[in-house]
N, C-alpha and C. Protein backbone atom coordinates (compact mmCIF):
# COMPACT_ATOMS: atom_id res chain seq x y z
N UNK A 1 -120.04 -201.85 -5.64
CA UNK A 1 -118.90 -201.16 -5.15
C UNK A 1 -117.65 -201.66 -5.89
N UNK A 2 -116.89 -200.50 -6.14
CA UNK A 2 -115.67 -200.64 -7.04
C UNK A 2 -114.50 -201.00 -6.10
N UNK A 3 -113.81 -201.77 -6.62
CA UNK A 3 -112.45 -202.02 -5.74
C UNK A 3 -111.28 -200.84 -5.74
N UNK A 4 -111.61 -199.92 -6.51
CA UNK A 4 -110.77 -198.97 -7.03
C UNK A 4 -110.36 -198.31 -5.78
N UNK A 5 -109.37 -198.18 -5.31
CA UNK A 5 -108.65 -197.16 -4.19
C UNK A 5 -108.74 -195.73 -4.44
N UNK A 6 -109.28 -194.58 -3.98
CA UNK A 6 -109.26 -193.30 -3.92
C UNK A 6 -108.45 -192.58 -2.84
N UNK A 7 -108.47 -191.64 -2.92
CA UNK A 7 -107.84 -190.65 -2.18
C UNK A 7 -109.03 -190.61 -0.67
N UNK A 8 -108.74 -190.17 0.05
CA UNK A 8 -109.48 -189.86 1.47
C UNK A 8 -110.30 -188.56 0.94
N UNK A 9 -111.25 -188.32 1.52
CA UNK A 9 -111.86 -186.87 1.26
C UNK A 9 -111.09 -185.78 1.98
N UNK A 10 -110.34 -186.08 2.96
CA UNK A 10 -109.33 -184.93 3.75
C UNK A 10 -108.21 -184.96 2.68
N UNK A 11 -107.76 -185.92 2.00
CA UNK A 11 -106.42 -185.52 1.10
C UNK A 11 -106.92 -184.81 0.13
N UNK A 12 -108.29 -184.94 -0.61
CA UNK A 12 -108.70 -184.06 -1.67
C UNK A 12 -108.75 -182.89 -1.54
N UNK A 13 -109.20 -182.51 -0.03
CA UNK A 13 -109.68 -181.06 0.42
C UNK A 13 -108.01 -180.57 0.39
N UNK A 14 -107.10 -181.28 0.96
CA UNK A 14 -105.86 -180.40 1.01
C UNK A 14 -105.14 -180.17 0.21
N UNK A 15 -105.13 -181.20 -1.08
CA UNK A 15 -105.02 -180.98 -2.50
C UNK A 15 -105.24 -179.61 -3.12
N UNK A 16 -106.65 -179.72 -3.05
CA UNK A 16 -107.53 -178.48 -3.50
C UNK A 16 -107.09 -177.24 -3.01
N UNK A 17 -106.96 -177.13 -1.78
CA UNK A 17 -106.68 -176.26 -1.00
C UNK A 17 -104.97 -175.78 -1.43
N UNK A 18 -104.19 -176.48 -1.55
CA UNK A 18 -102.92 -176.36 -2.14
C UNK A 18 -103.12 -175.87 -3.53
N UNK A 19 -103.71 -176.48 -4.15
CA UNK A 19 -103.64 -175.74 -5.73
C UNK A 19 -104.36 -174.52 -5.79
N UNK A 20 -105.39 -174.05 -4.84
CA UNK A 20 -105.76 -172.84 -4.93
C UNK A 20 -104.53 -171.76 -4.31
N UNK A 21 -104.18 -172.14 -3.41
CA UNK A 21 -102.97 -171.20 -2.81
C UNK A 21 -101.78 -170.92 -3.89
N UNK A 22 -101.40 -172.29 -4.19
CA UNK A 22 -100.42 -171.88 -5.62
C UNK A 22 -100.67 -171.15 -6.52
N UNK A 23 -102.30 -171.06 -6.98
CA UNK A 23 -102.57 -170.62 -8.00
C UNK A 23 -102.89 -169.02 -7.81
N UNK A 24 -103.18 -168.63 -6.46
CA UNK A 24 -103.15 -167.26 -5.92
C UNK A 24 -101.72 -166.70 -5.92
N UNK A 25 -100.84 -167.39 -5.30
CA UNK A 25 -99.37 -167.05 -5.66
C UNK A 25 -98.89 -166.63 -6.85
N UNK A 26 -99.38 -167.75 -7.77
CA UNK A 26 -98.65 -167.38 -9.39
C UNK A 26 -99.38 -165.94 -9.56
N UNK A 27 -100.68 -165.78 -9.56
CA UNK A 27 -101.46 -164.58 -9.96
C UNK A 27 -100.75 -163.36 -9.20
N UNK A 28 -100.40 -163.38 -8.06
CA UNK A 28 -99.66 -162.37 -7.59
C UNK A 28 -98.34 -162.00 -7.94
N UNK A 29 -97.42 -163.24 -8.29
CA UNK A 29 -96.41 -162.84 -8.75
C UNK A 29 -96.52 -162.25 -10.21
N UNK A 30 -97.53 -162.68 -10.99
CA UNK A 30 -97.80 -162.09 -12.22
C UNK A 30 -98.16 -160.57 -12.38
N UNK A 31 -98.79 -160.11 -11.28
CA UNK A 31 -99.55 -159.00 -11.06
C UNK A 31 -98.37 -158.11 -10.68
N UNK A 32 -97.40 -158.68 -9.74
CA UNK A 32 -96.32 -157.97 -9.39
C UNK A 32 -95.29 -157.32 -10.69
N UNK A 33 -95.17 -158.61 -11.46
CA UNK A 33 -94.20 -158.42 -12.67
C UNK A 33 -94.85 -157.74 -13.64
N UNK A 34 -96.43 -157.45 -13.85
CA UNK A 34 -96.79 -156.72 -14.79
C UNK A 34 -96.70 -155.28 -14.38
N UNK A 35 -96.79 -154.81 -13.06
CA UNK A 35 -96.45 -153.57 -12.54
C UNK A 35 -95.16 -152.95 -12.60
N UNK A 36 -94.26 -154.07 -12.45
CA UNK A 36 -92.90 -153.94 -12.71
C UNK A 36 -92.61 -153.63 -14.00
N UNK A 37 -93.14 -154.06 -15.00
CA UNK A 37 -92.72 -154.00 -16.27
C UNK A 37 -93.37 -152.64 -16.74
N UNK A 38 -94.62 -152.24 -16.18
CA UNK A 38 -95.04 -150.99 -16.54
C UNK A 38 -94.31 -150.11 -15.94
N UNK A 39 -93.93 -150.02 -14.79
CA UNK A 39 -92.88 -149.10 -14.48
C UNK A 39 -91.62 -148.85 -15.19
N UNK A 40 -91.22 -150.08 -15.49
CA UNK A 40 -90.00 -149.88 -16.28
C UNK A 40 -90.25 -149.26 -17.41
N UNK A 41 -91.17 -149.54 -18.27
CA UNK A 41 -91.69 -149.15 -19.39
C UNK A 41 -91.88 -147.43 -19.46
N UNK A 42 -92.26 -147.17 -18.24
CA UNK A 42 -92.54 -145.76 -17.95
C UNK A 42 -91.18 -144.95 -17.87
N UNK A 43 -90.27 -145.47 -16.93
CA UNK A 43 -88.89 -145.03 -16.76
C UNK A 43 -88.17 -144.85 -18.33
N UNK A 44 -88.35 -145.89 -19.32
CA UNK A 44 -87.67 -145.71 -20.66
C UNK A 44 -88.25 -144.71 -21.27
N UNK A 45 -89.54 -144.34 -21.04
CA UNK A 45 -90.46 -143.37 -22.26
C UNK A 45 -90.03 -142.11 -21.44
N UNK A 46 -89.96 -142.11 -20.25
CA UNK A 46 -89.47 -140.85 -19.66
C UNK A 46 -88.00 -140.39 -19.85
N UNK A 47 -87.40 -141.13 -19.91
CA UNK A 47 -85.91 -141.29 -20.07
C UNK A 47 -85.98 -140.67 -21.63
N UNK A 48 -86.45 -141.28 -22.55
CA UNK A 48 -86.39 -141.14 -23.88
C UNK A 48 -86.71 -139.31 -24.06
N UNK A 49 -88.05 -139.00 -23.38
CA UNK A 49 -88.28 -137.82 -23.71
C UNK A 49 -87.48 -136.82 -22.68
N UNK A 50 -86.70 -137.26 -21.59
CA UNK A 50 -85.70 -136.52 -21.30
C UNK A 50 -84.42 -136.18 -22.09
N UNK A 51 -84.14 -137.40 -22.85
CA UNK A 51 -83.17 -137.16 -23.61
C UNK A 51 -83.25 -136.22 -24.95
N UNK A 52 -84.77 -136.57 -25.18
CA UNK A 52 -85.19 -135.60 -26.41
C UNK A 52 -84.92 -134.20 -26.08
N UNK A 53 -85.49 -133.87 -25.02
CA UNK A 53 -85.47 -132.51 -24.66
C UNK A 53 -84.17 -131.85 -24.53
N UNK A 54 -83.18 -132.58 -23.91
CA UNK A 54 -81.84 -132.08 -23.85
C UNK A 54 -81.23 -131.98 -25.25
N UNK A 55 -81.64 -133.06 -26.21
CA UNK A 55 -81.05 -132.64 -27.53
C UNK A 55 -81.61 -131.56 -28.21
N UNK A 56 -82.92 -131.14 -27.83
CA UNK A 56 -83.76 -130.01 -28.46
C UNK A 56 -83.16 -128.81 -27.99
N UNK A 57 -82.72 -128.98 -26.84
CA UNK A 57 -82.07 -127.46 -25.97
C UNK A 57 -80.59 -127.33 -26.67
N UNK A 58 -80.06 -128.52 -26.61
CA UNK A 58 -78.52 -128.32 -27.36
C UNK A 58 -78.73 -127.66 -28.63
N UNK A 59 -79.62 -128.15 -29.42
CA UNK A 59 -79.94 -127.83 -30.88
C UNK A 59 -79.95 -126.15 -30.84
N UNK A 60 -80.85 -125.89 -29.97
CA UNK A 60 -81.34 -124.31 -30.05
C UNK A 60 -80.20 -123.59 -29.61
N UNK A 61 -79.52 -124.24 -28.42
CA UNK A 61 -78.21 -123.46 -28.11
C UNK A 61 -77.16 -123.22 -29.18
N UNK A 62 -77.31 -124.15 -30.08
CA UNK A 62 -76.16 -124.38 -31.26
C UNK A 62 -76.60 -123.26 -32.19
N UNK A 63 -77.95 -123.07 -32.37
CA UNK A 63 -78.38 -122.11 -33.43
C UNK A 63 -78.32 -120.86 -32.68
N UNK A 64 -78.43 -120.55 -31.62
CA UNK A 64 -78.40 -119.27 -30.92
C UNK A 64 -76.91 -118.70 -31.11
N UNK A 65 -76.14 -119.51 -30.79
CA UNK A 65 -74.51 -119.18 -30.76
C UNK A 65 -74.16 -118.79 -32.44
N UNK A 66 -74.55 -119.70 -33.29
CA UNK A 66 -74.43 -119.55 -34.62
C UNK A 66 -75.05 -118.35 -34.92
N UNK A 67 -76.14 -117.71 -34.89
CA UNK A 67 -76.83 -116.61 -35.28
C UNK A 67 -75.97 -115.65 -34.64
N UNK A 68 -75.67 -115.58 -33.32
CA UNK A 68 -74.80 -114.45 -32.60
C UNK A 68 -73.57 -114.25 -33.48
N UNK A 69 -72.76 -115.29 -33.77
CA UNK A 69 -71.73 -115.22 -34.57
C UNK A 69 -71.93 -114.77 -35.88
N UNK A 70 -72.87 -114.96 -36.68
CA UNK A 70 -73.14 -114.36 -37.97
C UNK A 70 -73.27 -113.06 -37.67
N UNK A 71 -74.21 -112.44 -36.78
CA UNK A 71 -74.49 -111.13 -36.53
C UNK A 71 -73.29 -110.13 -36.08
N UNK A 72 -72.35 -110.83 -35.64
CA UNK A 72 -71.37 -110.16 -35.01
C UNK A 72 -70.22 -109.91 -36.32
N UNK A 73 -70.12 -110.73 -37.19
CA UNK A 73 -69.57 -110.56 -38.48
C UNK A 73 -69.91 -109.87 -39.61
N UNK A 74 -71.25 -109.28 -39.31
CA UNK A 74 -71.65 -108.25 -40.36
C UNK A 74 -71.69 -106.95 -39.87
């Protein structure tokens, strides 16, 4: 037999249980973070598309006004 002193089996089980609990909490936080990042990414994409749409509408309005002005002067 060895003289080496180790942990009691209940200590080992408790340590393993705590390790699994910590790992599951980390995984849950990572999943939440991924979902938040994806939502923020989609918000940015949506905001960019909205901005582009507004700019296109503004450009069309400007062209319409310019064409009306040109037609009035002829």
